[in-house]
Amino acid sequence: MEETEVSYFFDTYAIAEILEGSPNYQKYINEQVTITIFNLAEIYGYALGEHTQQEADEIYQKYQTCVVEVEEDTLKEAVKFRKENKKKNLSYTDCIGYIYSKRHNMRFLTGDKEFQFQLRNHGLRRNTALEHKKRKLSRR
């Protein structure tokens, strides 16, 4: 049986964990990263708060090459998904990434506990890690 290659969509939390050397995310360090421009903005904001300006700019440059274009239908579906799940307090960025990953048969790599139900129902991947970093990211 031939092994199929798994593609991942990394949410901002997953990238932050990788940048900080979290052992929970080390197995993904060599995977091809896919993000949206919205994730890139969050990653840069995180990097500015945790690293020097020069390091933040280098992180931005590194992940800029991983940005994919979000189709109009994906964007609309993500906004509807967020509205349908408004009690879960999901960000637009996370919803866009989640719907993008779903539409492109990718695994959604996140530490966000709010996606646990959706991920389980769609065969996507949630990686658990320290939740305080997610809260730290959301305050930026």
C-alpha atoms as a PDB file:
ATOM      1  CA  MET A   1       0.000   0.000   0.000  1.00  0.00           C
ATOM      2  CA  GLU A   2       1.377   3.394  -1.000  1.00  0.00           C
ATOM      3  CA  GLU A   3       1.658   6.021   1.738  1.00  0.00           C
ATOM      4  CA  THR A   4      -0.047   9.307   0.910  1.00  0.00           C
ATOM      5  CA  GLU A   5       1.582  12.567   1.835  1.00  0.00           C
ATOM      6  CA  VAL A   6      -0.205  14.580   4.503  1.00  0.00           C
ATOM      7  CA  SER A   7      -0.491  18.336   4.061  1.00  0.00           C
ATOM      8  CA  TYR A   8      -0.939  20.640   7.021  1.00  0.00           C
ATOM      9  CA  PHE A   9      -2.443  24.051   7.497  1.00  0.00           C
ATOM     10  CA  PHE A  10      -0.679  25.691  10.453  1.00  0.00           C
ATOM     11  CA  ASP A  11      -2.652  28.117  12.550  1.00  0.00           C
ATOM     12  CA  THR A  12      -0.844  30.975  14.255  1.00  0.00           C
ATOM     13  CA  TYR A  13      -0.676  29.102  17.532  1.00  0.00           C
ATOM     14  CA  ALA A  14       1.136  26.180  15.891  1.00  0.00           C
ATOM     15  CA  ILE A  15       3.716  28.531  14.346  1.00  0.00           C
ATOM     16  CA  ALA A  16       4.261  30.285  17.701  1.00  0.00           C
ATOM     17  CA  GLU A  17       4.834  26.916  19.359  1.00  0.00           C
ATOM     18  CA  ILE A  18       7.384  25.991  16.692  1.00  0.00           C
ATOM     19  CA  LEU A  19       9.143  29.348  17.057  1.00  0.00           C
ATOM     20  CA  GLU A  20       9.399  28.798  20.801  1.00  0.00           C
ATOM     21  CA  GLY A  21      10.713  25.253  20.417  1.00  0.00           C
ATOM     22  CA  SER A  22       7.739  23.507  21.999  1.00  0.00           C
ATOM     23  CA  PRO A  23       8.365  19.749  22.167  1.00  0.00           C
ATOM     24  CA  ASN A  24       4.696  19.174  21.254  1.00  0.00           C
ATOM     25  CA  TYR A  25       5.302  20.632  17.791  1.00  0.00           C
ATOM     26  CA  GLN A  26       8.810  19.389  16.989  1.00  0.00           C
ATOM     27  CA  LYS A  27       7.477  16.579  14.810  1.00  0.00           C
ATOM     28  CA  TYR A  28       5.993  19.219  12.472  1.00  0.00           C
ATOM     29  CA  ILE A  29       9.118  21.352  12.147  1.00  0.00           C
ATOM     30  CA  ASN A  30      10.058  19.925   8.733  1.00  0.00           C
ATOM     31  CA  GLU A  31       6.528  19.900   7.318  1.00  0.00           C
ATOM     32  CA  GLN A  32       5.593  22.289   4.553  1.00  0.00           C
ATOM     33  CA  VAL A  33       3.802  25.246   6.142  1.00  0.00           C
ATOM     34  CA  THR A  34       0.594  26.636   4.666  1.00  0.00           C
ATOM     35  CA  ILE A  35      -0.927  29.824   6.120  1.00  0.00           C
ATOM     36  CA  THR A  36      -3.054  32.778   5.009  1.00  0.00           C
ATOM     37  CA  ILE A  37      -2.112  36.451   4.999  1.00  0.00           C
ATOM     38  CA  PHE A  38      -4.174  36.786   8.179  1.00  0.00           C
ATOM     39  CA  ASN A  39      -1.989  34.212   9.944  1.00  0.00           C
ATOM     40  CA  LEU A  40       1.092  36.038   8.689  1.00  0.00           C
ATOM     41  CA  ALA A  41      -0.139  39.257  10.318  1.00  0.00           C
ATOM     42  CA  GLU A  42      -0.721  37.436  13.616  1.00  0.00           C
ATOM     43  CA  ILE A  43       2.659  35.703  13.420  1.00  0.00           C
ATOM     44  CA  TYR A  44       4.396  39.032  12.862  1.00  0.00           C
ATOM     45  CA  GLY A  45       2.504  40.594  15.784  1.00  0.00           C
ATOM     46  CA  TYR A  46       3.508  37.689  17.990  1.00  0.00           C
ATOM     47  CA  ALA A  47       7.131  37.884  16.832  1.00  0.00           C
ATOM     48  CA  LEU A  48       7.289  41.620  17.529  1.00  0.00           C
ATOM     49  CA  GLY A  49       6.197  40.960  21.096  1.00  0.00           C
ATOM     50  CA  GLU A  50       8.568  38.069  21.733  1.00  0.00           C
ATOM     51  CA  HIS A  51      11.641  38.838  19.599  1.00  0.00           C
ATOM     52  CA  THR A  52      13.767  41.732  18.401  1.00  0.00           C
ATOM     53  CA  GLN A  53      12.622  43.802  15.427  1.00  0.00           C
ATOM     54  CA  GLN A  54      15.255  42.157  13.226  1.00  0.00           C
ATOM     55  CA  GLU A  55      14.203  38.651  14.319  1.00  0.00           C
ATOM     56  CA  ALA A  56      10.531  39.523  13.795  1.00  0.00           C
ATOM     57  CA  ASP A  57      11.310  40.753  10.271  1.00  0.00           C
ATOM     58  CA  GLU A  58      13.211  37.532   9.547  1.00  0.00           C
ATOM     59  CA  ILE A  59      10.301  35.456  10.826  1.00  0.00           C
ATOM     60  CA  TYR A  60       7.944  37.473   8.620  1.00  0.00           C
ATOM     61  CA  GLN A  61      10.153  36.882   5.575  1.00  0.00           C
ATOM     62  CA  LYS A  62      10.373  33.162   6.295  1.00  0.00           C
ATOM     63  CA  TYR A  63       6.620  32.655   6.577  1.00  0.00           C
ATOM     64  CA  GLN A  64       5.656  35.124   3.832  1.00  0.00           C
ATOM     65  CA  THR A  65       6.549  32.443   1.290  1.00  0.00           C
ATOM     66  CA  CYS A  66       3.993  30.080   2.880  1.00  0.00           C
ATOM     67  CA  VAL A  67       0.966  32.316   2.302  1.00  0.00           C
ATOM     68  CA  VAL A  68      -1.797  30.966   0.084  1.00  0.00           C
ATOM     69  CA  GLU A  69      -4.555  32.954  -1.544  1.00  0.00           C
ATOM     70  CA  VAL A  70      -7.987  32.519   0.011  1.00  0.00           C
ATOM     71  CA  GLU A  71     -10.752  32.033  -2.530  1.00  0.00           C
ATOM     72  CA  GLU A  72     -13.885  34.139  -2.188  1.00  0.00           C
ATOM     73  CA  ASP A  73     -16.084  31.086  -1.512  1.00  0.00           C
ATOM     74  CA  THR A  74     -13.705  29.932   1.241  1.00  0.00           C
ATOM     75  CA  LEU A  75     -13.836  33.356   2.856  1.00  0.00           C
ATOM     76  CA  LYS A  76     -17.630  33.444   2.775  1.00  0.00           C
ATOM     77  CA  GLU A  77     -17.924  29.927   4.174  1.00  0.00           C
ATOM     78  CA  ALA A  78     -15.484  30.806   6.971  1.00  0.00           C
ATOM     79  CA  VAL A  79     -17.534  33.850   7.966  1.00  0.00           C
ATOM     80  CA  LYS A  80     -20.694  31.710   8.026  1.00  0.00           C
ATOM     81  CA  PHE A  81     -18.869  29.041  10.031  1.00  0.00           C
ATOM     82  CA  ARG A  82     -17.803  31.645  12.592  1.00  0.00           C
ATOM     83  CA  LYS A  83     -21.340  32.979  12.857  1.00  0.00           C
ATOM     84  CA  GLU A  84     -22.743  29.445  13.312  1.00  0.00           C
ATOM     85  CA  ASN A  85     -20.204  28.891  16.117  1.00  0.00           C
ATOM     86  CA  LYS A  86     -20.373  32.342  17.712  1.00  0.00           C
ATOM     87  CA  LYS A  87     -20.561  30.931  21.246  1.00  0.00           C
ATOM     88  CA  LYS A  88     -17.105  29.407  20.794  1.00  0.00           C
ATOM     89  CA  ASN A  89     -15.434  32.807  20.327  1.00  0.00           C
ATOM     90  CA  LEU A  90     -13.455  31.716  17.249  1.00  0.00           C
ATOM     91  CA  SER A  91     -11.343  34.268  15.415  1.00  0.00           C
ATOM     92  CA  TYR A  92     -11.876  35.064  11.742  1.00  0.00           C
ATOM     93  CA  THR A  93      -8.272  34.030  11.113  1.00  0.00           C
ATOM     94  CA  ASP A  94      -8.803  30.587  12.643  1.00  0.00           C
ATOM     95  CA  CYS A  95     -12.111  30.060  10.836  1.00  0.00           C
ATOM     96  CA  ILE A  96     -10.570  31.013   7.486  1.00  0.00           C
ATOM     97  CA  GLY A  97      -7.667  28.637   8.063  1.00  0.00           C
ATOM     98  CA  TYR A  98      -9.971  25.848   9.181  1.00  0.00           C
ATOM     99  CA  ILE A  99     -12.270  26.149   6.160  1.00  0.00           C
ATOM    100  CA  TYR A 100      -9.287  26.476   3.819  1.00  0.00           C
ATOM    101  CA  SER A 101      -7.798  23.273   5.238  1.00  0.00           C
ATOM    102  CA  LYS A 102     -11.115  21.464   4.961  1.00  0.00           C
ATOM    103  CA  ARG A 103     -11.615  22.518   1.319  1.00  0.00           C
ATOM    104  CA  HIS A 104      -8.058  21.524   0.379  1.00  0.00           C
ATOM    105  CA  ASN A 105      -8.017  18.185   2.235  1.00  0.00           C
ATOM    106  CA  MET A 106      -5.367  19.378   4.658  1.00  0.00           C
ATOM    107  CA  ARG A 107      -4.978  18.710   8.356  1.00  0.00           C
ATOM    108  CA  PHE A 108      -5.607  21.784  10.487  1.00  0.00           C
ATOM    109  CA  LEU A 109      -2.766  21.993  12.984  1.00  0.00           C
ATOM    110  CA  THR A 110      -3.897  23.942  16.026  1.00  0.00           C
ATOM    111  CA  GLY A 111      -3.784  23.997  19.793  1.00  0.00           C
ATOM    112  CA  ASP A 112      -7.164  25.725  20.007  1.00  0.00           C
ATOM    113  CA  LYS A 113      -9.506  23.634  22.132  1.00  0.00           C
ATOM    114  CA  GLU A 114     -12.529  25.307  20.506  1.00  0.00           C
ATOM    115  CA  PHE A 115     -11.883  23.319  17.327  1.00  0.00           C
ATOM    116  CA  GLN A 116     -11.841  19.930  19.039  1.00  0.00           C
ATOM    117  CA  PHE A 117     -15.371  18.980  17.973  1.00  0.00           C
ATOM    118  CA  GLN A 118     -14.961  20.120  14.355  1.00  0.00           C
ATOM    119  CA  LEU A 119     -11.581  18.440  13.993  1.00  0.00           C
ATOM    120  CA  ARG A 120     -12.832  15.142  15.340  1.00  0.00           C
ATOM    121  CA  ASN A 121     -15.802  15.197  12.940  1.00  0.00           C
ATOM    122  CA  HIS A 122     -13.685  16.039   9.891  1.00  0.00           C
ATOM    123  CA  GLY A 123     -10.643  13.851  10.495  1.00  0.00           C
ATOM    124  CA  LEU A 124      -8.357  16.847  10.944  1.00  0.00           C
ATOM    125  CA  ARG A 125      -5.591  17.157  13.517  1.00  0.00           C
ATOM    126  CA  ARG A 126      -5.525  19.106  16.745  1.00  0.00           C
ATOM    127  CA  ASN A 127      -2.252  19.159  18.609  1.00  0.00           C
ATOM    128  CA  THR A 128      -2.540  19.924  22.292  1.00  0.00           C
ATOM    129  CA  ALA A 129       0.010  22.173  23.953  1.00  0.00           C
ATOM    130  CA  LEU A 130       0.137  24.774  26.680  1.00  0.00           C
ATOM    131  CA  GLU A 131      -3.036  26.853  26.484  1.00  0.00           C
ATOM    132  CA  HIS A 132      -1.442  29.918  28.066  1.00  0.00           C
ATOM    133  CA  LYS A 133       0.403  30.653  24.824  1.00  0.00           C
ATOM    134  CA  LYS A 134      -2.894  30.724  22.935  1.00  0.00           C
ATOM    135  CA  ARG A 135      -4.259  33.218  25.430  1.00  0.00           C
ATOM    136  CA  LYS A 136      -1.058  35.245  25.102  1.00  0.00           C
ATOM    137  CA  LEU A 137      -1.472  35.339  21.296  1.00  0.00           C
ATOM    138  CA  SER A 138      -5.104  36.434  21.543  1.00  0.00           C
ATOM    139  CA  ARG A 139      -4.169  39.442  23.680  1.00  0.00           C
ATOM    140  CA  ARG A 140      -1.993  40.907  20.936  1.00  0.00           C
END
